[in-house]
Amino acid sequence: MKTLIKNAQLYYQGQLNPADLLVENSKFTQIAEEISTDNVQVIDAKQRLVSPVTIFVLVLELINLLTCIRVRLELGYV
């Protein structure tokens, strides 16, 4: 599963820098000022500061949401 975190602010070399982060299989595969790719889940960081801890929390929230949706579908609630 690929996840693209758009519009983040990364602290690097003493300053905040705009960045997009591409995550594949729980690993960063690309960090750039702008990333364009297809077939990914997109999370808009809305110019917030992104650190490894906040990224981990965002990914966990996404996994929890997808798990809840899957369970609801399996139980016929949707």
PDB file of N, CA and C in Angstrom:
ATOM      1  N   MET A   1       0.831  -1.178   0.000  1.00  0.00           N
ATOM      2  CA  MET A   1       0.000   0.000   0.000  1.00  0.00           C
ATOM      3  C   MET A   1       0.879   1.246   0.000  1.00  0.00           C
ATOM      4  N   LYS A   2       0.567   2.186  -0.873  1.00  0.00           N
ATOM      5  CA  LYS A   2       1.304   3.440  -0.954  1.00  0.00           C
ATOM      6  C   LYS A   2       0.483   4.558  -0.330  1.00  0.00           C
ATOM      7  N   THR A   3       1.155   5.417   0.418  1.00  0.00           N
ATOM      8  CA  THR A   3       0.522   6.588   1.004  1.00  0.00           C
ATOM      9  C   THR A   3       1.367   7.806   0.664  1.00  0.00           C
ATOM     10  N   LEU A   4       0.716   8.860   0.186  1.00  0.00           N
ATOM     11  CA  LEU A   4       1.398  10.108  -0.142  1.00  0.00           C
ATOM     12  C   LEU A   4       0.951  11.170   0.852  1.00  0.00           C
ATOM     13  N   ILE A   5       1.888  11.702   1.602  1.00  0.00           N
ATOM     14  CA  ILE A   5       1.605  12.793   2.538  1.00  0.00           C
ATOM     15  C   ILE A   5       1.985  14.086   1.828  1.00  0.00           C
ATOM     16  N   LYS A   6       0.967  14.890   1.506  1.00  0.00           N
ATOM     17  CA  LYS A   6       1.157  16.128   0.742  1.00  0.00           C
ATOM     18  C   LYS A   6       1.184  17.340   1.671  1.00  0.00           C
ATOM     19  N   ASN A   7       1.843  18.402   1.217  1.00  0.00           N
ATOM     20  CA  ASN A   7       1.804  19.716   1.875  1.00  0.00           C
ATOM     21  C   ASN A   7       2.319  19.700   3.309  1.00  0.00           C
ATOM     22  N   ALA A   8       3.374  18.963   3.546  1.00  0.00           N
ATOM     23  CA  ALA A   8       3.966  18.901   4.875  1.00  0.00           C
ATOM     24  C   ALA A   8       5.041  19.980   5.028  1.00  0.00           C
ATOM     25  N   GLN A   9       5.421  20.238   6.252  1.00  0.00           N
ATOM     26  CA  GLN A   9       6.560  21.096   6.568  1.00  0.00           C
ATOM     27  C   GLN A   9       7.568  20.228   7.318  1.00  0.00           C
ATOM     28  N   LEU A  10       8.765  20.089   6.772  1.00  0.00           N
ATOM     29  CA  LEU A  10       9.817  19.303   7.405  1.00  0.00           C
ATOM     30  C   LEU A  10      10.894  20.233   7.929  1.00  0.00           C
ATOM     31  N   TYR A  11      11.354  19.961   9.144  1.00  0.00           N
ATOM     32  CA  TYR A  11      12.458  20.719   9.714  1.00  0.00           C
ATOM     33  C   TYR A  11      13.750  20.066   9.267  1.00  0.00           C
ATOM     34  N   TYR A  12      14.540  20.797   8.477  1.00  0.00           N
ATOM     35  CA  TYR A  12      15.772  20.243   7.912  1.00  0.00           C
ATOM     36  C   TYR A  12      16.804  21.353   7.801  1.00  0.00           C
ATOM     37  N   GLN A  13      17.994  21.099   8.284  1.00  0.00           N
ATOM     38  CA  GLN A  13      19.100  22.051   8.259  1.00  0.00           C
ATOM     39  C   GLN A  13      18.707  23.402   8.834  1.00  0.00           C
ATOM     40  N   GLY A  14      18.023  23.367   9.973  1.00  0.00           N
ATOM     41  CA  GLY A  14      17.697  24.580  10.706  1.00  0.00           C
ATOM     42  C   GLY A  14      16.542  25.399  10.186  1.00  0.00           C
ATOM     43  N   GLN A  15      15.799  24.881   9.198  1.00  0.00           N
ATOM     44  CA  GLN A  15      14.657  25.634   8.694  1.00  0.00           C
ATOM     45  C   GLN A  15      13.529  24.703   8.263  1.00  0.00           C
ATOM     46  N   LEU A  16      12.324  25.288   8.180  1.00  0.00           N
ATOM     47  CA  LEU A  16      11.173  24.533   7.707  1.00  0.00           C
ATOM     48  C   LEU A  16      11.153  24.548   6.190  1.00  0.00           C
ATOM     49  N   ASN A  17      10.905  23.385   5.610  1.00  0.00           N
ATOM     50  CA  ASN A  17      10.881  23.235   4.160  1.00  0.00           C
ATOM     51  C   ASN A  17       9.598  22.527   3.732  1.00  0.00           C
ATOM     52  N   PRO A  18       8.929  23.001   2.673  1.00  0.00           N
ATOM     53  CA  PRO A  18       7.748  22.294   2.176  1.00  0.00           C
ATOM     54  C   PRO A  18       8.170  20.962   1.570  1.00  0.00           C
ATOM     55  N   ALA A  19       7.353  19.939   1.810  1.00  0.00           N
ATOM     56  CA  ALA A  19       7.718  18.618   1.287  1.00  0.00           C
ATOM     57  C   ALA A  19       6.507  17.716   1.165  1.00  0.00           C
ATOM     58  N   ASP A  20       6.605  16.785   0.220  1.00  0.00           N
ATOM     59  CA  ASP A  20       5.688  15.656   0.105  1.00  0.00           C
ATOM     60  C   ASP A  20       6.491  14.414   0.468  1.00  0.00           C
ATOM     61  N   LEU A  21       5.823  13.440   1.076  1.00  0.00           N
ATOM     62  CA  LEU A  21       6.496  12.211   1.484  1.00  0.00           C
ATOM     63  C   LEU A  21       5.725  11.015   0.950  1.00  0.00           C
ATOM     64  N   LEU A  22       6.408  10.116   0.282  1.00  0.00           N
ATOM     65  CA  LEU A  22       5.796   8.902  -0.232  1.00  0.00           C
ATOM     66  C   LEU A  22       6.208   7.745   0.665  1.00  0.00           C
ATOM     67  N   VAL A  23       5.204   7.010   1.170  1.00  0.00           N
ATOM     68  CA  VAL A  23       5.443   5.884   2.066  1.00  0.00           C
ATOM     69  C   VAL A  23       4.952   4.614   1.376  1.00  0.00           C
ATOM     70  N   GLU A  24       5.830   3.622   1.296  1.00  0.00           N
ATOM     71  CA  GLU A  24       5.474   2.321   0.724  1.00  0.00           C
ATOM     72  C   GLU A  24       5.933   1.233   1.675  1.00  0.00           C
ATOM     73  N   ASN A  25       5.012   0.338   2.022  1.00  0.00           N
ATOM     74  CA  ASN A  25       5.335  -0.767   2.929  1.00  0.00           C
ATOM     75  C   ASN A  25       6.007  -0.266   4.200  1.00  0.00           C
ATOM     76  N   SER A  26       5.446   0.789   4.787  1.00  0.00           N
ATOM     77  CA  SER A  26       5.905   1.373   6.060  1.00  0.00           C
ATOM     78  C   SER A  26       7.293   2.001   5.982  1.00  0.00           C
ATOM     79  N   LYS A  27       7.781   2.324   4.779  1.00  0.00           N
ATOM     80  CA  LYS A  27       9.091   2.955   4.625  1.00  0.00           C
ATOM     81  C   LYS A  27       8.977   4.158   3.706  1.00  0.00           C
ATOM     82  N   PHE A  28       9.758   5.200   4.014  1.00  0.00           N
ATOM     83  CA  PHE A  28       9.811   6.349   3.129  1.00  0.00           C
ATOM     84  C   PHE A  28      10.560   5.955   1.872  1.00  0.00           C
ATOM     85  N   THR A  29       9.935   6.142   0.731  1.00  0.00           N
ATOM     86  CA  THR A  29      10.602   5.824  -0.525  1.00  0.00           C
ATOM     87  C   THR A  29      10.965   7.079  -1.310  1.00  0.00           C
ATOM     88  N   GLN A  30      10.327   8.202  -0.954  1.00  0.00           N
ATOM     89  CA  GLN A  30      10.657   9.449  -1.639  1.00  0.00           C
ATOM     90  C   GLN A  30      10.246  10.632  -0.774  1.00  0.00           C
ATOM     91  N   ILE A  31      11.114  11.621  -0.702  1.00  0.00           N
ATOM     92  CA  ILE A  31      10.818  12.900  -0.058  1.00  0.00           C
ATOM     93  C   ILE A  31      11.258  13.972  -1.042  1.00  0.00           C
ATOM     94  N   ALA A  32      10.314  14.845  -1.431  1.00  0.00           N
ATOM     95  CA  ALA A  32      10.616  15.892  -2.402  1.00  0.00           C
ATOM     96  C   ALA A  32       9.668  17.067  -2.177  1.00  0.00           C
ATOM     97  N   GLU A  33      10.003  18.192  -2.805  1.00  0.00           N
ATOM     98  CA  GLU A  33       9.144  19.362  -2.653  1.00  0.00           C
ATOM     99  C   GLU A  33       7.741  19.093  -3.202  1.00  0.00           C
ATOM    100  N   GLU A  34       7.663  18.316  -4.296  1.00  0.00           N
ATOM    101  CA  GLU A  34       6.356  17.913  -4.828  1.00  0.00           C
ATOM    102  C   GLU A  34       6.477  16.541  -5.472  1.00  0.00           C
ATOM    103  N   ILE A  35       5.550  15.655  -5.117  1.00  0.00           N
ATOM    104  CA  ILE A  35       5.517  14.304  -5.673  1.00  0.00           C
ATOM    105  C   ILE A  35       4.166  14.109  -6.341  1.00  0.00           C
ATOM    106  N   SER A  36       4.181  13.612  -7.556  1.00  0.00           N
ATOM    107  CA  SER A  36       2.958  13.261  -8.271  1.00  0.00           C
ATOM    108  C   SER A  36       3.022  11.781  -8.615  1.00  0.00           C
ATOM    109  N   THR A  37       1.998  11.050  -8.215  1.00  0.00           N
ATOM    110  CA  THR A  37       1.942   9.624  -8.514  1.00  0.00           C
ATOM    111  C   THR A  37       0.492   9.168  -8.502  1.00  0.00           C
ATOM    112  N   ASP A  38       0.218   8.043  -9.127  1.00  0.00           N
ATOM    113  CA  ASP A  38      -1.136   7.502  -9.204  1.00  0.00           C
ATOM    114  C   ASP A  38      -1.310   6.348  -8.223  1.00  0.00           C
ATOM    115  N   ASN A  39      -2.559   5.990  -7.985  1.00  0.00           N
ATOM    116  CA  ASN A  39      -2.919   4.822  -7.182  1.00  0.00           C
ATOM    117  C   ASN A  39      -2.330   4.846  -5.778  1.00  0.00           C
ATOM    118  N   VAL A  40      -2.490   5.980  -5.088  1.00  0.00           N
ATOM    119  CA  VAL A  40      -2.022   6.099  -3.715  1.00  0.00           C
ATOM    120  C   VAL A  40      -3.117   6.698  -2.845  1.00  0.00           C
ATOM    121  N   GLN A  41      -3.041   6.405  -1.562  1.00  0.00           N
ATOM    122  CA  GLN A  41      -3.883   7.068  -0.567  1.00  0.00           C
ATOM    123  C   GLN A  41      -3.204   8.403  -0.259  1.00  0.00           C
ATOM    124  N   VAL A  42      -3.920   9.519  -0.358  1.00  0.00           N
ATOM    125  CA  VAL A  42      -3.329  10.836  -0.132  1.00  0.00           C
ATOM    126  C   VAL A  42      -3.802  11.395   1.199  1.00  0.00           C
ATOM    127  N   ILE A  43      -2.850  11.867   1.983  1.00  0.00           N
ATOM    128  CA  ILE A  43      -3.134  12.553   3.243  1.00  0.00           C
ATOM    129  C   ILE A  43      -2.613  13.977   3.094  1.00  0.00           C
ATOM    130  N   ASP A  44      -3.478  14.971   3.317  1.00  0.00           N
ATOM    131  CA  ASP A  44      -3.069  16.371   3.232  1.00  0.00           C
ATOM    132  C   ASP A  44      -2.622  16.822   4.616  1.00  0.00           C
ATOM    133  N   ALA A  45      -1.334  17.135   4.763  1.00  0.00           N
ATOM    134  CA  ALA A  45      -0.798  17.572   6.058  1.00  0.00           C
ATOM    135  C   ALA A  45      -1.168  19.024   6.351  1.00  0.00           C
ATOM    136  N   LYS A  46      -1.689  19.744   5.382  1.00  0.00           N
ATOM    137  CA  LYS A  46      -2.182  21.112   5.545  1.00  0.00           C
ATOM    138  C   LYS A  46      -1.135  22.044   6.153  1.00  0.00           C
ATOM    139  N   GLN A  47       0.086  21.968   5.627  1.00  0.00           N
ATOM    140  CA  GLN A  47       1.202  22.821   6.041  1.00  0.00           C
ATOM    141  C   GLN A  47       1.636  22.606   7.496  1.00  0.00           C
ATOM    142  N   ARG A  48       1.268  21.481   8.068  1.00  0.00           N
ATOM    143  CA  ARG A  48       1.678  21.174   9.446  1.00  0.00           C
ATOM    144  C   ARG A  48       3.087  20.595   9.461  1.00  0.00           C
ATOM    145  N   LEU A  49       3.727  20.788  10.592  1.00  0.00           N
ATOM    146  CA  LEU A  49       5.040  20.209  10.796  1.00  0.00           C
ATOM    147  C   LEU A  49       4.895  18.695  10.894  1.00  0.00           C
ATOM    148  N   VAL A  50       5.673  17.979  10.113  1.00  0.00           N
ATOM    149  CA  VAL A  50       5.610  16.525  10.107  1.00  0.00           C
ATOM    150  C   VAL A  50       6.939  15.989  10.620  1.00  0.00           C
ATOM    151  N   SER A  51       6.844  15.124  11.614  1.00  0.00           N
ATOM    152  CA  SER A  51       8.023  14.470  12.170  1.00  0.00           C
ATOM    153  C   SER A  51       7.765  12.969  12.152  1.00  0.00           C
ATOM    154  N   PRO A  52       8.776  12.143  12.384  1.00  0.00           N
ATOM    155  CA  PRO A  52       8.536  10.695  12.361  1.00  0.00           C
ATOM    156  C   PRO A  52       7.395  10.253  13.283  1.00  0.00           C
ATOM    157  N   VAL A  53       7.244  10.888  14.436  1.00  0.00           N
ATOM    158  CA  VAL A  53       6.163  10.505  15.359  1.00  0.00           C
ATOM    159  C   VAL A  53       4.807  10.840  14.768  1.00  0.00           C
ATOM    160  N   THR A  54       4.638  12.043  14.195  1.00  0.00           N
ATOM    161  CA  THR A  54       3.322  12.398  13.639  1.00  0.00           C
ATOM    162  C   THR A  54       3.006  11.556  12.413  1.00  0.00           C
ATOM    163  N   ILE A  55       4.015  11.217  11.633  1.00  0.00           N
ATOM    164  CA  ILE A  55       3.786  10.344  10.479  1.00  0.00           C
ATOM    165  C   ILE A  55       3.309   8.976  10.949  1.00  0.00           C
ATOM    166  N   PHE A  56       3.939   8.447  11.982  1.00  0.00           N
ATOM    167  CA  PHE A  56       3.551   7.149  12.530  1.00  0.00           C
ATOM    168  C   PHE A  56       2.098   7.178  12.992  1.00  0.00           C
ATOM    169  N   VAL A  57       1.703   8.245  13.667  1.00  0.00           N
ATOM    170  CA  VAL A  57       0.320   8.374  14.149  1.00  0.00           C
ATOM    171  C   VAL A  57      -0.646   8.458  12.982  1.00  0.00           C
ATOM    172  N   LEU A  58      -0.309   9.238  11.940  1.00  0.00           N
ATOM    173  CA  LEU A  58      -1.178   9.337  10.763  1.00  0.00           C
ATOM    174  C   LEU A  58      -1.371   7.984  10.089  1.00  0.00           C
ATOM    175  N   VAL A  59      -0.299   7.226   9.956  1.00  0.00           N
ATOM    176  CA  VAL A  59      -0.391   5.911   9.322  1.00  0.00           C
ATOM    177  C   VAL A  59      -1.226   4.964  10.184  1.00  0.00           C
ATOM    178  N   LEU A  60      -1.042   5.006  11.503  1.00  0.00           N
ATOM    179  CA  LEU A  60      -1.863   4.163  12.382  1.00  0.00           C
ATOM    180  C   LEU A  60      -3.340   4.524  12.278  1.00  0.00           C
ATOM    181  N   GLU A  61      -3.647   5.818  12.231  1.00  0.00           N
ATOM    182  CA  GLU A  61      -5.043   6.244  12.085  1.00  0.00           C
ATOM    183  C   GLU A  61      -5.628   5.747  10.771  1.00  0.00           C
ATOM    184  N   LEU A  62      -4.853   5.805   9.707  1.00  0.00           N
ATOM    185  CA  LEU A  62      -5.318   5.318   8.409  1.00  0.00           C
ATOM    186  C   LEU A  62      -5.568   3.812   8.452  1.00  0.00           C
ATOM    187  N   ILE A  63      -4.671   3.067   9.060  1.00  0.00           N
ATOM    188  CA  ILE A  63      -4.848   1.614   9.181  1.00  0.00           C
ATOM    189  C   ILE A  63      -6.098   1.298   9.998  1.00  0.00           C
ATOM    190  N   ASN A  64      -6.308   2.020  11.103  1.00  0.00           N
ATOM    191  CA  ASN A  64      -7.502   1.797  11.933  1.00  0.00           C
ATOM    192  C   ASN A  64      -8.773   2.103  11.155  1.00  0.00           C
ATOM    193  N   LEU A  65      -8.772   3.188  10.402  1.00  0.00           N
ATOM    194  CA  LEU A  65      -9.946   3.557   9.604  1.00  0.00           C
ATOM    195  C   LEU A  65     -10.248   2.486   8.563  1.00  0.00           C
ATOM    196  N   LEU A  66      -9.224   2.040   7.843  1.00  0.00           N
ATOM    197  CA  LEU A  66      -9.427   1.009   6.824  1.00  0.00           C
ATOM    198  C   LEU A  66      -9.901  -0.303   7.437  1.00  0.00           C
ATOM    199  N   THR A  67      -9.402  -0.643   8.615  1.00  0.00           N
ATOM    200  CA  THR A  67      -9.837  -1.857   9.305  1.00  0.00           C
ATOM    201  C   THR A  67     -11.309  -1.756   9.693  1.00  0.00           C
ATOM    202  N   CYS A  68     -11.719  -0.600  10.209  1.00  0.00           N
ATOM    203  CA  CYS A  68     -13.133  -0.401  10.578  1.00  0.00           C
ATOM    204  C   CYS A  68     -14.040  -0.511   9.367  1.00  0.00           C
ATOM    205  N   ILE A  69     -13.636   0.082   8.254  1.00  0.00           N
ATOM    206  CA  ILE A  69     -14.433   0.005   7.031  1.00  0.00           C
ATOM    207  C   ILE A  69     -14.546  -1.445   6.568  1.00  0.00           C
ATOM    208  N   ARG A  70     -13.426  -2.169   6.590  1.00  0.00           N
ATOM    209  CA  ARG A  70     -13.432  -3.574   6.141  1.00  0.00           C
ATOM    210  C   ARG A  70     -14.374  -4.408   7.006  1.00  0.00           C
ATOM    211  N   VAL A  71     -14.327  -4.211   8.329  1.00  0.00           N
ATOM    212  CA  VAL A  71     -15.177  -4.970   9.237  1.00  0.00           C
ATOM    213  C   VAL A  71     -16.652  -4.639   8.994  1.00  0.00           C
ATOM    214  N   ARG A  72     -16.957  -3.361   8.805  1.00  0.00           N
ATOM    215  CA  ARG A  72     -18.343  -2.958   8.545  1.00  0.00           C
ATOM    216  C   ARG A  72     -18.854  -3.570   7.238  1.00  0.00           C
ATOM    217  N   LEU A  73     -17.983  -3.606   6.226  1.00  0.00           N
ATOM    218  CA  LEU A  73     -18.379  -4.227   4.969  1.00  0.00           C
ATOM    219  C   LEU A  73     -18.626  -5.731   5.140  1.00  0.00           C
ATOM    220  N   GLU A  74     -17.742  -6.388   5.875  1.00  0.00           N
ATOM    221  CA  GLU A  74     -17.890  -7.836   6.094  1.00  0.00           C
ATOM    222  C   GLU A  74     -19.156  -8.154   6.877  1.00  0.00           C
ATOM    223  N   LEU A  75     -19.539  -7.266   7.799  1.00  0.00           N
ATOM    224  CA  LEU A  75     -20.735  -7.507   8.615  1.00  0.00           C
ATOM    225  C   LEU A  75     -22.007  -7.004   7.930  1.00  0.00           C
ATOM    226  N   GLY A  76     -21.851  -6.357   6.776  1.00  0.00           N
ATOM    227  CA  GLY A  76     -23.016  -5.902   6.030  1.00  0.00           C
ATOM    228  C   GLY A  76     -23.622  -4.620   6.534  1.00  0.00           C
ATOM    229  N   TYR A  77     -22.860  -3.806   7.280  1.00  0.00           N
ATOM    230  CA  TYR A  77     -23.380  -2.544   7.801  1.00  0.00           C
ATOM    231  C   TYR A  77     -23.303  -1.414   6.797  1.00  0.00           C
ATOM    232  N   VAL A  78     -22.604  -1.611   5.715  1.00  0.00           N
ATOM    233  CA  VAL A  78     -22.466  -0.561   4.702  1.00  0.00           C
ATOM    234  C   VAL A  78     -23.117  -1.010   3.422  1.00  0.00           C
TER     235      VAL A  78
END
